[in-house]
């Protein structure tokens, strides 16, 4: 998957994660994208550990769900560390 696809997937995942878990977070648009991109990696890793998925391989509904779950995990950790 190209870098542009990772950025788009990260943006979508980050926005959905913040929509699902609203709150006041330090950081803006760039942090949202970075949490979403990292969430795609974390979601793919966690999914492969438990056997319900694998690495994110393109922009699809499954990839977005995996990335959003990973982004939610990272957003939760980010808030605990920063809070």
PDB file of N, CA and C in Angstrom:
ATOM      1  N   UNK A   1       0.846  -1.161   0.000  1.00  0.00           N
ATOM      2  CA  UNK A   1       0.000   0.000   0.000  1.00  0.00           C
ATOM      3  C   UNK A   1       0.898   1.232   0.000  1.00  0.00           C
ATOM      4  N   UNK A   2       0.595   2.182  -0.831  1.00  0.00           N
ATOM      5  CA  UNK A   2       1.408   3.379  -0.947  1.00  0.00           C
ATOM      6  C   UNK A   2       1.227   4.330   0.224  1.00  0.00           C
ATOM      7  N   UNK A   3       2.138   5.264   0.331  1.00  0.00           N
ATOM      8  CA  UNK A   3       2.122   6.215   1.441  1.00  0.00           C
ATOM      9  C   UNK A   3       0.848   7.052   1.431  1.00  0.00           C
ATOM     10  N   UNK A   4       0.363   7.407   0.259  1.00  0.00           N
ATOM     11  CA  UNK A   4      -0.867   8.192   0.162  1.00  0.00           C
ATOM     12  C   UNK A   4      -2.055   7.397   0.702  1.00  0.00           C
ATOM     13  N   UNK A   5      -2.093   6.113   0.411  1.00  0.00           N
ATOM     14  CA  UNK A   5      -3.170   5.257   0.929  1.00  0.00           C
ATOM     15  C   UNK A   5      -3.102   5.144   2.447  1.00  0.00           C
ATOM     16  N   UNK A   6      -1.887   5.040   3.003  1.00  0.00           N
ATOM     17  CA  UNK A   6      -1.729   4.983   4.462  1.00  0.00           C
ATOM     18  C   UNK A   6      -2.223   6.272   5.107  1.00  0.00           C
ATOM     19  N   UNK A   7      -1.929   7.407   4.478  1.00  0.00           N
ATOM     20  CA  UNK A   7      -2.367   8.692   5.025  1.00  0.00           C
ATOM     21  C   UNK A   7      -3.891   8.790   4.987  1.00  0.00           C
ATOM     22  N   UNK A   8      -4.497   8.401   3.878  1.00  0.00           N
ATOM     23  CA  UNK A   8      -5.957   8.439   3.758  1.00  0.00           C
ATOM     24  C   UNK A   8      -6.594   7.492   4.777  1.00  0.00           C
ATOM     25  N   UNK A   9      -6.078   6.268   4.879  1.00  0.00           N
ATOM     26  CA  UNK A   9      -6.598   5.302   5.847  1.00  0.00           C
ATOM     27  C   UNK A   9      -6.411   5.821   7.268  1.00  0.00           C
ATOM     28  N   UNK A  10      -5.261   6.402   7.554  1.00  0.00           N
ATOM     29  CA  UNK A  10      -4.998   6.968   8.873  1.00  0.00           C
ATOM     30  C   UNK A  10      -5.933   8.111   9.201  1.00  0.00           C
ATOM     31  N   UNK A  11      -6.192   8.958   8.229  1.00  0.00           N
ATOM     32  CA  UNK A  11      -7.117  10.066   8.424  1.00  0.00           C
ATOM     33  C   UNK A  11      -8.512   9.545   8.741  1.00  0.00           C
ATOM     34  N   UNK A  12      -8.982   8.603   7.965  1.00  0.00           N
ATOM     35  CA  UNK A  12     -10.309   8.022   8.193  1.00  0.00           C
ATOM     36  C   UNK A  12     -10.372   7.352   9.562  1.00  0.00           C
ATOM     37  N   UNK A  13      -9.379   6.537   9.880  1.00  0.00           N
ATOM     38  CA  UNK A  13      -9.361   5.819  11.152  1.00  0.00           C
ATOM     39  C   UNK A  13      -9.251   6.781  12.328  1.00  0.00           C
ATOM     40  N   UNK A  14      -8.420   7.793  12.217  1.00  0.00           N
ATOM     41  CA  UNK A  14      -8.268   8.769  13.289  1.00  0.00           C
ATOM     42  C   UNK A  14      -9.535   9.561  13.541  1.00  0.00           C
ATOM     43  N   UNK A  15     -10.189   9.988  12.479  1.00  0.00           N
ATOM     44  CA  UNK A  15     -11.439  10.744  12.618  1.00  0.00           C
ATOM     45  C   UNK A  15     -12.528   9.865  13.224  1.00  0.00           C
ATOM     46  N   UNK A  16     -12.648   8.636  12.753  1.00  0.00           N
ATOM     47  CA  UNK A  16     -13.654   7.731  13.318  1.00  0.00           C
ATOM     48  C   UNK A  16     -13.369   7.405  14.775  1.00  0.00           C
ATOM     49  N   UNK A  17     -12.104   7.223  15.119  1.00  0.00           N
ATOM     50  CA  UNK A  17     -11.745   6.930  16.513  1.00  0.00           C
ATOM     51  C   UNK A  17     -12.098   8.106  17.420  1.00  0.00           C
ATOM     52  N   UNK A  18     -11.820   9.335  16.965  1.00  0.00           N
ATOM     53  CA  UNK A  18     -12.177  10.507  17.775  1.00  0.00           C
ATOM     54  C   UNK A  18     -13.688  10.704  17.842  1.00  0.00           C
ATOM     55  N   UNK A  19     -14.404  10.301  16.802  1.00  0.00           N
ATOM     56  CA  UNK A  19     -15.853  10.391  16.802  1.00  0.00           C
ATOM     57  C   UNK A  19     -16.442   9.379  17.792  1.00  0.00           C
ATOM     58  N   UNK A  20     -15.880   8.169  17.815  1.00  0.00           N
ATOM     59  CA  UNK A  20     -16.354   7.123  18.729  1.00  0.00           C
ATOM     60  C   UNK A  20     -15.962   7.454  20.160  1.00  0.00           C
ATOM     61  N   UNK A  21     -14.766   7.987  20.365  1.00  0.00           N
ATOM     62  CA  UNK A  21     -14.252   8.305  21.695  1.00  0.00           C
ATOM     63  C   UNK A  21     -13.973   9.815  21.767  1.00  0.00           C
ATOM     64  N   UNK A  22     -15.049  10.626  21.863  1.00  0.00           N
ATOM     65  CA  UNK A  22     -14.833  12.071  21.861  1.00  0.00           C
ATOM     66  C   UNK A  22     -14.165  12.537  23.151  1.00  0.00           C
ATOM     67  N   UNK A  23     -13.559  13.665  23.082  1.00  0.00           N
ATOM     68  CA  UNK A  23     -12.908  14.243  24.248  1.00  0.00           C
ATOM     69  C   UNK A  23     -11.950  15.329  23.822  1.00  0.00           C
ATOM     70  N   UNK A  24     -11.446  16.010  24.813  1.00  0.00           N
ATOM     71  CA  UNK A  24     -10.505  17.086  24.541  1.00  0.00           C
ATOM     72  C   UNK A  24      -9.103  16.502  24.527  1.00  0.00           C
ATOM     73  N   UNK A  25      -8.486  16.512  23.372  1.00  0.00           N
ATOM     74  CA  UNK A  25      -7.142  15.962  23.209  1.00  0.00           C
ATOM     75  C   UNK A  25      -6.180  17.058  22.794  1.00  0.00           C
ATOM     76  N   UNK A  26      -4.991  17.056  23.392  1.00  0.00           N
ATOM     77  CA  UNK A  26      -3.973  17.970  22.876  1.00  0.00           C
ATOM     78  C   UNK A  26      -3.490  17.460  21.522  1.00  0.00           C
ATOM     79  N   UNK A  27      -3.412  18.293  20.585  1.00  0.00           N
ATOM     80  CA  UNK A  27      -3.006  17.877  19.241  1.00  0.00           C
ATOM     81  C   UNK A  27      -4.151  18.131  18.286  1.00  0.00           C
ATOM     82  N   UNK A  28      -3.837  18.211  17.052  1.00  0.00           N
ATOM     83  CA  UNK A  28      -4.861  18.516  16.061  1.00  0.00           C
ATOM     84  C   UNK A  28      -4.892  17.504  14.943  1.00  0.00           C
ATOM     85  N   UNK A  29      -4.977  18.024  13.758  1.00  0.00           N
ATOM     86  CA  UNK A  29      -5.137  17.238  12.546  1.00  0.00           C
ATOM     87  C   UNK A  29      -3.991  16.242  12.351  1.00  0.00           C
ATOM     88  N   UNK A  30      -2.769  16.683  12.559  1.00  0.00           N
ATOM     89  CA  UNK A  30      -1.597  15.819  12.347  1.00  0.00           C
ATOM     90  C   UNK A  30      -1.590  14.669  13.345  1.00  0.00           C
ATOM     91  N   UNK A  31      -1.899  14.957  14.614  1.00  0.00           N
ATOM     92  CA  UNK A  31      -1.943  13.905  15.636  1.00  0.00           C
ATOM     93  C   UNK A  31      -3.026  12.895  15.293  1.00  0.00           C
ATOM     94  N   UNK A  32      -4.170  13.383  14.802  1.00  0.00           N
ATOM     95  CA  UNK A  32      -5.256  12.483  14.393  1.00  0.00           C
ATOM     96  C   UNK A  32      -4.787  11.522  13.308  1.00  0.00           C
ATOM     97  N   UNK A  33      -4.095  12.043  12.315  1.00  0.00           N
ATOM     98  CA  UNK A  33      -3.592  11.195  11.230  1.00  0.00           C
ATOM     99  C   UNK A  33      -2.556  10.201  11.759  1.00  0.00           C
ATOM    100  N   UNK A  34      -1.636  10.672  12.595  1.00  0.00           N
ATOM    101  CA  UNK A  34      -0.590   9.791  13.124  1.00  0.00           C
ATOM    102  C   UNK A  34      -1.174   8.679  14.000  1.00  0.00           C
ATOM    103  N   UNK A  35      -2.157   9.016  14.832  1.00  0.00           N
ATOM    104  CA  UNK A  35      -2.805   7.988  15.654  1.00  0.00           C
ATOM    105  C   UNK A  35      -3.531   6.994  14.758  1.00  0.00           C
ATOM    106  N   UNK A  36      -4.165   7.472  13.709  1.00  0.00           N
ATOM    107  CA  UNK A  36      -4.857   6.576  12.779  1.00  0.00           C
ATOM    108  C   UNK A  36      -3.910   5.651  12.030  1.00  0.00           C
ATOM    109  N   UNK A  37      -2.789   6.192  11.554  1.00  0.00           N
ATOM    110  CA  UNK A  37      -1.808   5.370  10.834  1.00  0.00           C
ATOM    111  C   UNK A  37      -1.209   4.332  11.769  1.00  0.00           C
ATOM    112  N   UNK A  38      -0.810   4.780  12.960  1.00  0.00           N
ATOM    113  CA  UNK A  38      -0.266   3.832  13.939  1.00  0.00           C
ATOM    114  C   UNK A  38      -1.338   2.829  14.354  1.00  0.00           C
ATOM    115  N   UNK A  39      -2.589   3.284  14.402  1.00  0.00           N
ATOM    116  CA  UNK A  39      -3.698   2.386  14.731  1.00  0.00           C
ATOM    117  C   UNK A  39      -3.864   1.275  13.711  1.00  0.00           C
ATOM    118  N   UNK A  40      -3.590   1.568  12.453  1.00  0.00           N
ATOM    119  CA  UNK A  40      -3.656   0.526  11.423  1.00  0.00           C
ATOM    120  C   UNK A  40      -2.629  -0.570  11.710  1.00  0.00           C
ATOM    121  N   UNK A  41      -1.438  -0.163  12.112  1.00  0.00           N
ATOM    122  CA  UNK A  41      -0.408  -1.148  12.459  1.00  0.00           C
ATOM    123  C   UNK A  41      -0.792  -1.932  13.709  1.00  0.00           C
ATOM    124  N   UNK A  42      -1.229  -1.213  14.750  1.00  0.00           N
ATOM    125  CA  UNK A  42      -1.595  -1.859  16.008  1.00  0.00           C
ATOM    126  C   UNK A  42      -2.793  -2.785  15.801  1.00  0.00           C
ATOM    127  N   UNK A  43      -3.799  -2.306  15.081  1.00  0.00           N
ATOM    128  CA  UNK A  43      -4.976  -3.132  14.809  1.00  0.00           C
ATOM    129  C   UNK A  43      -4.625  -4.386  14.029  1.00  0.00           C
ATOM    130  N   UNK A  44      -3.765  -4.249  13.030  1.00  0.00           N
ATOM    131  CA  UNK A  44      -3.329  -5.418  12.265  1.00  0.00           C
ATOM    132  C   UNK A  44      -2.560  -6.404  13.114  1.00  0.00           C
ATOM    133  N   UNK A  45      -1.700  -5.877  13.993  1.00  0.00           N
ATOM    134  CA  UNK A  45      -0.913  -6.731  14.882  1.00  0.00           C
ATOM    135  C   UNK A  45      -1.818  -7.464  15.873  1.00  0.00           C
ATOM    136  N   UNK A  46      -2.720  -6.712  16.527  1.00  0.00           N
ATOM    137  CA  UNK A  46      -3.632  -7.328  17.498  1.00  0.00           C
ATOM    138  C   UNK A  46      -4.564  -8.335  16.824  1.00  0.00           C
ATOM    139  N   UNK A  47      -5.030  -7.988  15.631  1.00  0.00           N
ATOM    140  CA  UNK A  47      -5.902  -8.900  14.890  1.00  0.00           C
ATOM    141  C   UNK A  47      -5.208 -10.198  14.528  1.00  0.00           C
ATOM    142  N   UNK A  48      -3.950 -10.116  14.156  1.00  0.00           N
ATOM    143  CA  UNK A  48      -3.213 -11.333  13.800  1.00  0.00           C
ATOM    144  C   UNK A  48      -2.880 -12.163  15.047  1.00  0.00           C
ATOM    145  N   UNK A  49      -2.720 -11.493  16.203  1.00  0.00           N
ATOM    146  CA  UNK A  49      -2.456 -12.228  17.451  1.00  0.00           C
ATOM    147  C   UNK A  49      -3.642 -13.085  17.878  1.00  0.00           C
ATOM    148  N   UNK A  50      -4.840 -12.527  17.754  1.00  0.00           N
ATOM    149  CA  UNK A  50      -6.032 -13.259  18.186  1.00  0.00           C
ATOM    150  C   UNK A  50      -6.668 -14.061  17.051  1.00  0.00           C
ATOM    151  N   UNK A  51      -6.162 -13.919  15.862  1.00  0.00           N
ATOM    152  CA  UNK A  51      -6.629 -14.733  14.734  1.00  0.00           C
ATOM    153  C   UNK A  51      -7.885 -14.225  14.050  1.00  0.00           C
ATOM    154  N   UNK A  52      -8.222 -12.956  14.228  1.00  0.00           N
ATOM    155  CA  UNK A  52      -9.404 -12.415  13.559  1.00  0.00           C
ATOM    156  C   UNK A  52      -9.009 -11.377  12.523  1.00  0.00           C
ATOM    157  N   UNK A  53      -8.126 -11.626  11.761  1.00  0.00           N
ATOM    158  CA  UNK A  53      -7.721 -10.649  10.760  1.00  0.00           C
ATOM    159  C   UNK A  53      -6.234 -10.722  10.559  1.00  0.00           C
ATOM    160  N   UNK A  54      -5.780  -9.810   9.826  1.00  0.00           N
ATOM    161  CA  UNK A  54      -4.357  -9.767   9.556  1.00  0.00           C
ATOM    162  C   UNK A  54      -3.930  -8.356   9.331  1.00  0.00           C
ATOM    163  N   UNK A  55      -2.804  -8.197   8.721  1.00  0.00           N
ATOM    164  CA  UNK A  55      -2.320  -6.846   8.485  1.00  0.00           C
ATOM    165  C   UNK A  55      -3.228  -6.080   7.536  1.00  0.00           C
ATOM    166  N   UNK A  56      -3.247  -4.801   7.697  1.00  0.00           N
ATOM    167  CA  UNK A  56      -4.034  -3.939   6.827  1.00  0.00           C
ATOM    168  C   UNK A  56      -3.342  -3.898   5.474  1.00  0.00           C
ATOM    169  N   UNK A  57      -4.090  -4.257   4.426  1.00  0.00           N
ATOM    170  CA  UNK A  57      -3.442  -4.387   3.128  1.00  0.00           C
ATOM    171  C   UNK A  57      -4.001  -3.451   2.065  1.00  0.00           C
ATOM    172  N   UNK A  58      -4.973  -2.677   2.379  1.00  0.00           N
ATOM    173  CA  UNK A  58      -5.536  -1.747   1.413  1.00  0.00           C
ATOM    174  C   UNK A  58      -6.703  -1.025   2.039  1.00  0.00           C
ATOM    175  N   UNK A  59      -7.291  -0.113   1.300  1.00  0.00           N
ATOM    176  CA  UNK A  59      -8.432   0.619   1.839  1.00  0.00           C
ATOM    177  C   UNK A  59      -9.693  -0.182   1.522  1.00  0.00           C
ATOM    178  N   UNK A  60     -10.226  -0.809   2.561  1.00  0.00           N
ATOM    179  CA  UNK A  60     -11.471  -1.561   2.471  1.00  0.00           C
ATOM    180  C   UNK A  60     -12.177  -1.425   3.814  1.00  0.00           C
ATOM    181  N   UNK A  61     -13.391  -1.913   3.891  1.00  0.00           N
ATOM    182  CA  UNK A  61     -14.149  -1.824   5.146  1.00  0.00           C
ATOM    183  C   UNK A  61     -13.413  -2.567   6.261  1.00  0.00           C
ATOM    184  N   UNK A  62     -12.913  -3.751   5.979  1.00  0.00           N
ATOM    185  CA  UNK A  62     -12.179  -4.519   6.984  1.00  0.00           C
ATOM    186  C   UNK A  62     -10.930  -3.807   7.462  1.00  0.00           C
ATOM    187  N   UNK A  63     -10.212  -3.192   6.541  1.00  0.00           N
ATOM    188  CA  UNK A  63      -9.005  -2.449   6.906  1.00  0.00           C
ATOM    189  C   UNK A  63      -9.344  -1.230   7.751  1.00  0.00           C
ATOM    190  N   UNK A  64     -10.424  -0.555   7.405  1.00  0.00           N
ATOM    191  CA  UNK A  64     -10.830   0.619   8.173  1.00  0.00           C
ATOM    192  C   UNK A  64     -11.242   0.213   9.581  1.00  0.00           C
ATOM    193  N   UNK A  65     -12.003  -0.867   9.714  1.00  0.00           N
ATOM    194  CA  UNK A  65     -12.416  -1.343  11.038  1.00  0.00           C
ATOM    195  C   UNK A  65     -11.199  -1.732  11.862  1.00  0.00           C
ATOM    196  N   UNK A  66     -10.273  -2.460  11.254  1.00  0.00           N
ATOM    197  CA  UNK A  66      -9.050  -2.857  11.947  1.00  0.00           C
ATOM    198  C   UNK A  66      -8.253  -1.634  12.385  1.00  0.00           C
ATOM    199  N   UNK A  67      -8.113  -0.665  11.504  1.00  0.00           N
ATOM    200  CA  UNK A  67      -7.360   0.554  11.821  1.00  0.00           C
ATOM    201  C   UNK A  67      -8.052   1.373  12.906  1.00  0.00           C
ATOM    202  N   UNK A  68      -9.379   1.432  12.867  1.00  0.00           N
ATOM    203  CA  UNK A  68     -10.114   2.191  13.875  1.00  0.00           C
ATOM    204  C   UNK A  68      -9.972   1.538  15.243  1.00  0.00           C
ATOM    205  N   UNK A  69     -10.046   0.225  15.315  1.00  0.00           N
ATOM    206  CA  UNK A  69      -9.864  -0.470  16.593  1.00  0.00           C
ATOM    207  C   UNK A  69      -8.464  -0.188  17.141  1.00  0.00           C
ATOM    208  N   UNK A  70      -7.476  -0.269  16.294  1.00  0.00           N
ATOM    209  CA  UNK A  70      -6.115   0.052  16.718  1.00  0.00           C
ATOM    210  C   UNK A  70      -5.978   1.504  17.143  1.00  0.00           C
ATOM    211  N   UNK A  71      -6.623   2.419  16.405  1.00  0.00           N
ATOM    212  CA  UNK A  71      -6.568   3.829  16.752  1.00  0.00           C
ATOM    213  C   UNK A  71      -7.269   4.105  18.082  1.00  0.00           C
ATOM    214  N   UNK A  72      -8.367   3.386  18.357  1.00  0.00           N
ATOM    215  CA  UNK A  72      -9.048   3.537  19.648  1.00  0.00           C
ATOM    216  C   UNK A  72      -8.144   3.107  20.800  1.00  0.00           C
ATOM    217  N   UNK A  73      -7.438   2.002  20.600  1.00  0.00           N
ATOM    218  CA  UNK A  73      -6.500   1.534  21.623  1.00  0.00           C
ATOM    219  C   UNK A  73      -5.420   2.593  21.852  1.00  0.00           C
ATOM    220  N   UNK A  74      -4.854   3.116  20.775  1.00  0.00           N
ATOM    221  CA  UNK A  74      -3.804   4.128  20.895  1.00  0.00           C
ATOM    222  C   UNK A  74      -4.332   5.436  21.479  1.00  0.00           C
ATOM    223  N   UNK A  75      -5.541   5.816  21.110  1.00  0.00           N
ATOM    224  CA  UNK A  75      -6.132   7.041  21.642  1.00  0.00           C
ATOM    225  C   UNK A  75      -6.358   6.907  23.151  1.00  0.00           C
ATOM    226  N   UNK A  76      -6.801   5.739  23.585  1.00  0.00           N
ATOM    227  CA  UNK A  76      -6.996   5.483  25.007  1.00  0.00           C
ATOM    228  C   UNK A  76      -5.661   5.592  25.754  1.00  0.00           C
ATOM    229  N   UNK A  77      -4.625   4.960  25.213  1.00  0.00           N
ATOM    230  CA  UNK A  77      -3.294   5.017  25.839  1.00  0.00           C
ATOM    231  C   UNK A  77      -2.760   6.455  25.817  1.00  0.00           C
ATOM    232  N   UNK A  78      -2.934   7.146  24.714  1.00  0.00           N
ATOM    233  CA  UNK A  78      -2.467   8.530  24.571  1.00  0.00           C
ATOM    234  C   UNK A  78      -3.105   9.425  25.630  1.00  0.00           C
ATOM    235  N   UNK A  79      -4.412   9.242  25.841  1.00  0.00           N
ATOM    236  CA  UNK A  79      -5.114  10.051  26.836  1.00  0.00           C
ATOM    237  C   UNK A  79      -4.658   9.730  28.253  1.00  0.00           C
ATOM    238  N   UNK A  80      -4.374   8.465  28.525  1.00  0.00           N
ATOM    239  CA  UNK A  80      -3.901   8.082  29.869  1.00  0.00           C
ATOM    240  C   UNK A  80      -2.514   8.646  30.138  1.00  0.00           C
ATOM    241  N   UNK A  81      -1.653   8.625  29.137  1.00  0.00           N
ATOM    242  CA  UNK A  81      -0.292   9.127  29.307  1.00  0.00           C
ATOM    243  C   UNK A  81      -0.298  10.660  29.402  1.00  0.00           C
ATOM    244  N   UNK A  82      -1.048  11.327  28.533  1.00  0.00           N
ATOM    245  CA  UNK A  82      -1.082  12.781  28.508  1.00  0.00           C
ATOM    246  C   UNK A  82      -1.957  13.355  29.620  1.00  0.00           C
ATOM    247  N   UNK A  83      -2.959  12.587  30.081  1.00  0.00           N
ATOM    248  CA  UNK A  83      -3.926  13.093  31.068  1.00  0.00           C
ATOM    249  C   UNK A  83      -3.369  13.066  32.425  1.00  0.00           C
TER     250      UNK A  83
END
